[in-house]
């Protein structure tokens, strides 16, 4: 499996090449979109991108965990976690890319 990571810079460069905005405008557009997504998630909203997937935040209750090394029980505090659920199209596309 590849170790390549898609970065903000890669996204803004793709917008620069494909849409024709300046590099600065492309970077600002990426930052603006990511900012809107982050703000919505912080406010407890879901972010659904058609044909890609849904980002959402859910609350996890407090529970008792166990240290695997010592077997000692440790309390785990309640927290909010970010989840991503890919769309069926994205799942199919990723699965299709795994065929050799």
Protein backbone atom coordinates (compact mmCIF):
# COMPACT_ATOMS: atom_id res chain seq x y z
CA UNK A 1 0.00 0.00 0.00
CA UNK A 2 1.23 3.50 -0.84
CA UNK A 3 2.59 5.84 1.83
CA UNK A 4 1.54 8.95 -0.16
CA UNK A 5 -0.68 11.43 1.68
CA UNK A 6 -2.96 13.99 0.05
CA UNK A 7 -2.33 17.37 1.70
CA UNK A 8 -3.99 20.79 1.70
CA UNK A 9 -1.25 21.93 -0.66
CA UNK A 10 -2.07 19.08 -3.07
CA UNK A 11 -5.75 20.06 -3.03
CA UNK A 12 -5.04 23.74 -3.67
CA UNK A 13 -2.60 22.82 -6.46
CA UNK A 14 -5.29 20.64 -8.10
CA UNK A 15 -7.77 23.54 -7.91
CA UNK A 16 -5.14 25.86 -9.39
CA UNK A 17 -4.56 23.49 -12.34
CA UNK A 18 -8.15 22.38 -12.97
CA UNK A 19 -10.21 25.48 -12.16
CA UNK A 20 -7.78 28.21 -13.05
CA UNK A 21 -7.84 30.22 -9.82
CA UNK A 22 -4.56 31.71 -8.67
CA UNK A 23 -2.49 29.69 -6.21
CA UNK A 24 -3.45 32.09 -3.39
CA UNK A 25 -7.15 31.93 -4.25
CA UNK A 26 -6.97 28.13 -4.48
CA UNK A 27 -5.34 27.87 -1.05
CA UNK A 28 -7.95 30.27 0.41
CA UNK A 29 -10.76 28.19 -1.10
CA UNK A 30 -9.42 24.97 0.44
CA UNK A 31 -9.01 26.68 3.84
CA UNK A 32 -12.52 28.12 3.62
CA UNK A 33 -14.13 24.76 2.80
CA UNK A 34 -12.22 22.97 5.56
CA UNK A 35 -13.09 25.77 7.98
CA UNK A 36 -16.81 25.48 7.20
CA UNK A 37 -16.66 21.72 7.65
CA UNK A 38 -14.80 22.02 10.97
CA UNK A 39 -17.19 24.67 12.29
CA UNK A 40 -20.22 22.53 11.44
CA UNK A 41 -18.72 19.50 13.19
CA UNK A 42 -17.82 21.53 16.29
CA UNK A 43 -21.46 22.73 16.39
CA UNK A 44 -22.62 19.09 16.35
CA UNK A 45 -23.82 19.09 12.74
CA UNK A 46 -23.08 16.32 10.24
CA UNK A 47 -21.18 17.07 7.04
CA UNK A 48 -22.45 15.03 4.09
CA UNK A 49 -20.59 15.12 0.80
CA UNK A 50 -22.54 13.33 -1.89
CA UNK A 51 -20.73 10.34 -3.45
CA UNK A 52 -18.00 10.66 -0.80
CA UNK A 53 -19.35 10.16 2.70
CA UNK A 54 -20.59 11.67 5.94
CA UNK A 55 -18.56 13.13 8.77
CA UNK A 56 -20.30 13.31 12.14
CA UNK A 57 -19.57 13.74 15.82
CA UNK A 58 -20.95 11.36 18.40
CA UNK A 59 -20.80 11.24 22.16
CA UNK A 60 -19.20 8.23 23.80
CA UNK A 61 -20.26 7.39 27.32
CA UNK A 62 -17.89 6.88 30.22
CA UNK A 63 -16.75 3.30 30.62
CA UNK A 64 -14.20 1.15 32.36
CA UNK A 65 -11.22 0.06 30.26
CA UNK A 66 -8.39 -2.28 31.07
CA UNK A 67 -4.67 -1.74 30.70
CA UNK A 68 -3.64 -4.74 28.53
CA UNK A 69 -0.16 -4.83 30.05
CA UNK A 70 -1.11 -4.85 33.72
CA UNK A 71 -4.78 -5.87 33.64
CA UNK A 72 -5.57 -2.85 35.83
CA UNK A 73 -9.02 -1.31 35.32
CA UNK A 74 -8.91 2.33 34.22
CA UNK A 75 -11.87 4.73 33.94
CA UNK A 76 -12.34 6.21 30.47
CA UNK A 77 -14.04 9.61 30.57
CA UNK A 78 -16.98 10.51 28.31
CA UNK A 79 -15.88 12.25 25.12
CA UNK A 80 -16.90 13.37 21.66
CA UNK A 81 -15.41 11.51 18.70
CA UNK A 82 -15.34 12.27 15.01
CA UNK A 83 -16.62 9.51 12.74
CA UNK A 84 -16.60 9.07 8.97
CA UNK A 85 -18.98 6.83 7.09
CA UNK A 86 -18.08 6.44 3.41
CA UNK A 87 -20.82 6.40 0.79
CA UNK A 88 -21.53 3.19 -1.13
CA UNK A 89 -19.98 4.77 -4.23
CA UNK A 90 -16.77 5.53 -2.32
CA UNK A 91 -16.67 2.01 -0.85
CA UNK A 92 -17.10 0.51 -4.33
CA UNK A 93 -14.45 2.80 -5.79
CA UNK A 94 -11.90 1.94 -3.08
CA UNK A 95 -12.67 -1.78 -3.33
CA UNK A 96 -12.32 -1.61 -7.12
CA UNK A 97 -8.89 -0.02 -6.72
CA UNK A 98 -7.71 -3.00 -4.67
CA UNK A 99 -8.05 -5.45 -7.54
CA UNK A 100 -4.71 -6.56 -8.93
